Protein backbone atom coordinates (compact mmCIF):
# COMPACT_ATOMS: atom_id res chain seq x y z
CA MET A 1 1.25 47.01 -20.31
CA THR A 2 3.98 45.30 -18.08
CA LEU A 3 3.93 41.46 -17.15
CA GLN A 4 4.14 41.47 -13.44
CA ILE A 5 6.52 38.33 -12.42
CA ARG A 6 7.10 36.93 -9.56
CA ALA A 7 10.70 36.90 -8.39
CA ILE A 8 11.15 33.03 -8.40
CA THR A 9 14.60 32.62 -9.15
CA ASP A 10 15.38 28.46 -7.39
CA ARG A 11 15.90 25.79 -9.44
CA ALA A 12 13.76 23.90 -6.50
CA THR A 13 10.51 25.91 -7.83
CA ILE A 14 11.58 25.81 -11.59
CA GLY A 15 12.23 22.80 -13.74
CA LEU A 16 14.47 22.90 -16.48
CA CYS A 17 11.02 22.03 -18.66
CA ASP A 18 9.66 25.38 -17.34
CA VAL A 19 12.02 27.54 -18.89
CA ALA A 20 13.51 25.29 -22.08
CA LEU A 21 9.86 23.75 -23.38
CA THR A 22 6.58 26.29 -24.51
CA PRO A 23 3.50 25.86 -22.45
CA LYS A 24 2.55 23.51 -25.43
CA GLY A 25 5.45 21.16 -24.66
CA ASN A 26 7.70 22.14 -27.58
CA PRO A 27 11.49 22.96 -27.44
CA ARG A 28 11.82 26.95 -26.76
CA SER A 29 13.84 28.62 -29.69
CA ILE A 30 16.27 31.55 -28.08
CA LEU A 31 16.88 32.82 -31.35
CA GLY A 32 14.52 35.42 -32.64
CA ARG A 33 13.59 37.94 -35.09
CA SER A 34 12.42 41.59 -35.29
CA GLU A 35 10.82 44.15 -38.23
CA LYS A 36 14.08 46.03 -37.75
CA ALA A 37 16.51 43.89 -37.74
CA ALA A 38 14.64 42.51 -40.62
CA ALA A 39 15.21 45.54 -42.54
CA GLY A 40 18.62 44.61 -42.81
CA GLU A 41 18.00 41.56 -45.34
CA ALA A 42 17.34 44.66 -47.71
CA ILE A 43 21.43 45.36 -47.50
CA GLY A 44 22.18 41.32 -47.44
CA VAL A 45 22.10 40.86 -43.47
CA LEU A 46 20.41 37.83 -42.00
CA THR A 47 19.86 38.98 -38.09
CA ALA A 48 18.72 37.26 -35.40
CA ILE A 49 18.32 38.34 -32.03
CA VAL A 50 17.78 36.91 -28.46
CA TYR A 51 15.46 38.63 -26.04
CA LEU A 52 15.50 38.18 -22.51
CA ALA A 53 13.52 39.71 -19.93
CA PRO A 54 15.34 43.06 -18.92
CA SER A 55 16.68 44.79 -16.14
CA THR A 56 15.01 42.51 -12.92
CA SER A 57 11.64 41.79 -14.51
CA SER A 58 12.60 38.10 -14.45
CA GLY A 59 14.04 38.27 -10.60
CA PHE A 60 17.86 38.13 -11.98
CA ASN A 61 19.43 41.51 -12.98
CA LEU A 62 20.80 41.54 -16.61
CA CYS A 63 20.86 45.08 -16.86
CA PRO A 64 23.55 45.98 -14.42
CA PHE A 65 23.77 49.39 -15.28
CA ALA A 66 19.76 50.09 -16.14
CA THR A 67 18.45 53.30 -14.94
CA GLU A 68 14.82 54.44 -14.45
CA GLY A 69 14.51 55.64 -17.76
CA CYS A 70 16.19 53.52 -19.68
CA SER A 71 13.97 51.04 -17.43
CA LEU A 72 10.67 53.07 -18.19
CA ALA A 73 11.31 53.30 -22.20
CA CYS A 74 12.87 49.63 -22.27
CA LEU A 75 11.74 47.97 -25.75
CA GLY A 76 11.86 44.72 -24.02
CA HIS A 77 8.83 45.50 -22.54
CA SER A 78 6.86 48.82 -24.10
CA SER A 79 7.09 48.26 -28.04
CA GLY A 80 5.93 46.47 -30.57
CA ARG A 81 5.08 43.11 -29.71
CA MET A 82 6.96 42.93 -26.48
CA THR A 83 3.86 44.36 -24.93
CA GLN A 84 2.04 41.12 -25.07
CA SER A 85 2.25 39.44 -21.83
CA HIS A 86 2.56 36.43 -23.48
CA VAL A 87 5.91 37.64 -25.42
CA GLN A 88 7.00 38.98 -21.94
CA GLN A 89 6.62 35.99 -20.41
CA CYS A 90 8.85 33.98 -22.95
CA ALA A 91 11.59 36.69 -22.28
CA VAL A 92 11.56 35.95 -18.46
CA ASP A 93 11.73 32.34 -19.11
CA LYS A 94 14.94 32.58 -21.04
CA ALA A 95 16.31 34.62 -18.72
CA ARG A 96 15.94 32.23 -15.96
CA TRP A 97 16.80 29.53 -18.49
CA LEU A 98 19.87 31.46 -18.95
CA ARG A 99 20.73 31.93 -15.06
CA LEU A 100 19.05 28.17 -13.54
CA TYR A 101 20.77 26.04 -16.27
CA GLN A 102 23.66 28.10 -18.12
CA PRO A 103 25.19 25.06 -19.23
CA HIS A 104 21.94 23.88 -20.97
CA PHE A 105 21.00 27.35 -22.63
CA LEU A 106 24.48 27.78 -24.17
CA ALA A 107 24.52 24.28 -25.50
CA GLN A 108 20.87 25.34 -26.92
CA LEU A 109 22.25 29.04 -28.07
CA ASP A 110 25.48 26.96 -29.90
CA VAL A 111 23.07 25.19 -31.93
CA GLU A 112 20.97 27.57 -33.30
CA LEU A 113 24.01 29.76 -34.10
CA ALA A 114 25.63 27.23 -36.15
CA GLY A 115 21.82 26.76 -38.00
CA HIS A 116 21.87 30.47 -38.30
CA ALA A 117 25.31 30.73 -40.07
CA LEU A 118 24.06 28.15 -42.63
CA LYS A 119 21.43 29.37 -43.53
CA ALA A 120 22.40 33.00 -44.26
CA GLU A 121 25.61 31.52 -46.30
CA ARG A 122 22.51 29.41 -48.22
CA LEU A 123 20.94 32.07 -48.74
CA GLY A 124 24.37 34.58 -49.91
CA MET A 125 23.45 36.62 -46.82
CA ARG A 126 26.16 37.88 -44.36
CA ALA A 127 24.50 36.47 -40.69
CA ALA A 128 24.48 38.76 -37.75
CA VAL A 129 23.42 38.28 -34.40
CA ARG A 130 22.44 40.73 -31.73
CA LEU A 131 22.71 38.62 -28.27
CA ASN A 132 21.25 41.52 -26.12
CA GLY A 133 17.77 42.06 -27.91
CA SER A 134 16.47 43.65 -24.44
CA SER A 135 19.44 42.58 -22.13
CA ASP A 136 22.90 44.18 -21.05
CA VAL A 137 24.86 40.76 -20.63
CA LEU A 138 28.32 40.01 -20.94
CA TRP A 139 28.35 37.81 -23.28
CA GLU A 140 31.77 37.74 -24.28
CA ARG A 141 32.16 35.86 -20.75
CA LEU A 142 29.74 33.23 -21.48
CA LEU A 143 30.17 32.47 -25.09
CA ASP A 144 32.79 31.40 -27.18
CA MET A 145 32.20 33.60 -30.13
CA ARG A 146 35.35 32.38 -31.98
CA ARG A 147 33.34 28.91 -32.88
CA HIS A 148 31.07 30.99 -34.98
CA PRO A 149 33.81 33.36 -36.79
CA SER A 150 31.49 33.49 -39.88
CA ILE A 151 28.97 35.43 -37.59
CA GLN A 152 28.69 39.02 -36.64
CA PHE A 153 27.86 39.46 -33.00
CA TYR A 154 26.83 43.04 -32.19
CA ASP A 155 24.76 44.65 -29.14
CA TYR A 156 23.95 47.52 -27.45
CA THR A 157 25.51 48.54 -23.86
CA LYS A 158 25.63 50.57 -20.89
CA VAL A 159 28.59 48.92 -19.50
CA PRO A 160 31.96 51.31 -19.28
CA LEU A 161 34.24 50.44 -22.08
CA GLU A 162 36.94 49.76 -19.23
CA ARG A 163 34.94 46.81 -18.65
CA ARG A 164 34.34 45.26 -22.22
CA LEU A 165 38.16 45.47 -23.72
CA GLY A 166 39.44 42.61 -25.05
CA LEU A 167 36.40 41.93 -27.29
CA PRO A 168 35.96 38.95 -30.03
CA SER A 169 36.92 40.26 -33.54
CA ASN A 170 33.32 39.71 -34.64
CA TYR A 171 31.63 41.16 -31.73
CA HIS A 172 30.73 44.87 -32.19
CA LEU A 173 29.78 47.11 -29.42
CA THR A 174 27.44 50.46 -29.11
CA PHE A 175 27.60 52.71 -26.20
CA SER A 176 23.73 53.30 -24.87
CA LEU A 177 23.59 56.85 -23.98
CA SER A 178 21.23 57.52 -20.40
CA GLU A 179 20.26 60.03 -18.82
CA ALA A 180 22.88 59.18 -15.73
CA PRO A 181 25.33 61.85 -14.88
CA GLU A 182 28.61 59.51 -16.00
CA SER A 183 26.90 58.35 -19.16
CA MET A 184 27.71 61.34 -20.98
CA ASP A 185 31.54 60.81 -20.25
CA ARG A 186 31.47 57.27 -20.94
CA ALA A 187 29.45 57.61 -24.52
CA LEU A 188 32.07 60.19 -25.45
CA GLN A 189 34.89 58.06 -23.79
CA TYR A 190 33.31 54.98 -26.62
CA LEU A 191 33.51 57.72 -29.29
CA GLU A 192 36.86 58.84 -29.23
CA SER A 193 38.52 55.52 -28.83
CA GLY A 194 36.52 54.81 -32.40
CA HIS A 195 33.92 52.97 -30.87
CA ASN A 196 29.71 53.86 -31.56
CA ALA A 197 27.41 55.44 -29.01
CA ALA A 198 23.77 55.39 -29.50
CA VAL A 199 21.27 57.95 -28.47
CA VAL A 200 17.44 58.45 -28.76
CA PHE A 201 15.46 61.62 -29.62
CA ARG A 202 11.96 62.41 -28.51
CA THR A 203 10.95 62.62 -32.61
CA PRO A 204 12.18 61.11 -36.07
CA GLU A 205 12.33 65.32 -36.95
CA GLN A 206 14.65 65.71 -33.82
CA ARG A 207 17.11 63.15 -35.35
CA ASP A 208 16.66 64.06 -38.47
CA ARG A 209 18.26 67.34 -37.30
CA ALA A 210 20.84 65.72 -35.62
CA VAL A 211 22.13 63.78 -38.70
CA GLU A 212 22.22 67.42 -40.38
CA THR A 213 24.08 69.03 -38.12
CA GLY A 214 26.09 66.42 -35.99
CA TRP A 215 25.65 66.24 -31.99
CA GLU A 216 28.04 67.43 -29.10
CA GLY A 217 31.12 67.08 -31.55
CA PHE A 218 29.99 63.71 -33.50
CA PRO A 219 28.34 63.16 -36.66
CA VAL A 220 25.06 61.28 -36.07
CA HIS A 221 23.55 58.88 -38.57
CA ASN A 222 19.89 57.65 -38.92
CA ALA A 223 20.12 54.47 -36.88
CA ASP A 224 16.19 53.43 -37.78
CA LEU A 225 17.31 52.50 -41.33
CA THR A 226 18.01 48.77 -40.14
CA ASP A 227 19.35 47.62 -36.92
CA CYS A 228 23.26 46.80 -38.27
CA ARG A 229 24.80 48.71 -35.48
CA PHE A 230 28.04 46.82 -36.62
CA LEU A 231 28.45 48.74 -39.98
CA ASP A 232 27.77 51.96 -38.52
CA PRO A 233 31.04 54.81 -39.30
CA ALA A 234 33.53 54.42 -36.37
CA GLY A 235 33.06 56.94 -34.31
CA SER A 236 29.95 58.30 -34.68
CA TRP A 237 26.18 58.21 -32.85
CA ALA A 238 24.01 56.34 -33.77
CA GLY A 239 20.54 58.35 -34.05
CA LEU A 240 17.30 56.93 -32.92
CA TYR A 241 13.59 58.23 -32.33
CA ALA A 242 11.46 57.11 -28.86
CA LYS A 243 9.04 54.48 -29.69
CA GLY A 244 5.98 54.13 -27.63
CA ALA A 245 3.83 56.36 -25.66
CA ILE A 246 6.10 55.85 -22.27
CA ALA A 247 9.41 56.64 -24.33
CA ARG A 248 7.85 59.56 -25.82
CA ARG A 249 6.66 61.06 -22.87
CA ASP A 250 9.93 60.55 -20.87
CA ALA A 251 11.17 63.27 -18.83
CA SER A 252 14.33 61.82 -16.95
CA GLY A 253 16.97 62.58 -19.62
CA PHE A 254 16.62 59.66 -21.03
CA VAL A 255 15.33 60.81 -24.49
CA ARG A 256 17.00 63.62 -25.37
CA ASP A 257 14.90 67.26 -27.10
CA TYR A 258 17.57 68.34 -29.99
CA VAL A 259 18.99 71.92 -29.32
CA GLU A 260 19.93 73.56 -32.88
CA PRO A 261 23.95 74.26 -32.84
CA ARG A 262 24.89 77.59 -31.34
CA SER A 263 26.67 78.67 -34.23
CA ALA A 264 26.18 78.44 -38.02
CA ARG A 265 30.27 77.03 -37.75
CA ASP A 266 29.01 74.59 -35.85
CA LYS A 267 26.31 73.80 -37.98
CA VAL A 268 28.23 73.40 -41.07
CA ALA A 269 30.79 71.05 -39.30
CA GLY A 270 28.30 68.91 -38.13
CA GLN A 271 26.57 68.65 -42.12
CA ALA A 272 30.01 67.48 -43.49
CA LEU A 273 30.72 64.76 -41.16
CA ALA A 274 26.91 63.54 -40.93
CA LEU A 275 27.29 63.09 -44.59
CA ASP A 276 30.45 61.55 -44.91
CA ALA A 277 29.20 59.19 -42.14
CA VAL A 278 25.89 58.42 -43.55
CA THR A 279 27.10 57.97 -47.41
CA ARG A 280 29.67 55.70 -45.97
CA CYS A 281 27.54 53.44 -44.09
CA TYR A 282 24.27 52.39 -46.35
CA PRO A 283 23.73 51.96 -50.06
CA ASP A 284 21.85 54.44 -51.79
CA HIS A 285 18.57 53.16 -52.21
CA MET A 286 18.31 52.69 -48.36
CA LEU A 287 19.22 56.74 -48.05
CA ALA A 288 15.81 57.89 -50.86
CA GLY A 289 13.08 59.16 -49.42
């Protein structure tokens, strides 16, 4: 269920306390977690995620390159806890906090990032933060990530590569393929430049077949094992499967149906690429079973 939000986007109507505090009047935390992100703890990565209301659902457009398919299938409202109205409202409040009271939001985020880094250090883990859990904000223009050198920042994005050059060394991006006509060319540009791109297959079985054979000329790895995209081998697809009933029924082209390679030679070559990518990406115990 998607929460219906009135498009209120002015400071005269929305006060700082309306967005920076919970309904009970407690300070609102910006960093959150997810079950998939928690899976990274098995390989020593402590991950926090920022969930902002996707696309225009807060009254502000936080996903400038969103398509109809990705908007309908977005995990920001169609999967897990994100289907709950109070969780969606929290994401709306955070998005409005960022846009209406940006200095205050960024100051609070800076404090929470420092705390996350200290917690990871205390636990002997690597700190990671995904800033766009359900949005596509160009954070390199807002946040000085160099202030947090021990944190590995990472995100999915639909923004073309030429608009995201000169990133901080601790910020990793994975392009997210959509049904837009130009999206495949943009994905291949990321891949050919040594970056990564993500593709959503309809079922886990289709994803697994792509891992075995490769897809569109590049190796594929199982990106559902963890959310740690910064560990993915360069120049490879992050293969995912559609989460939630809406995504599985997608007919826009955002969710892809795997097609077998046209020749046995393509299949063998893809298998070799995929095996090399996976073995370099994850420890053996995460690949078992």
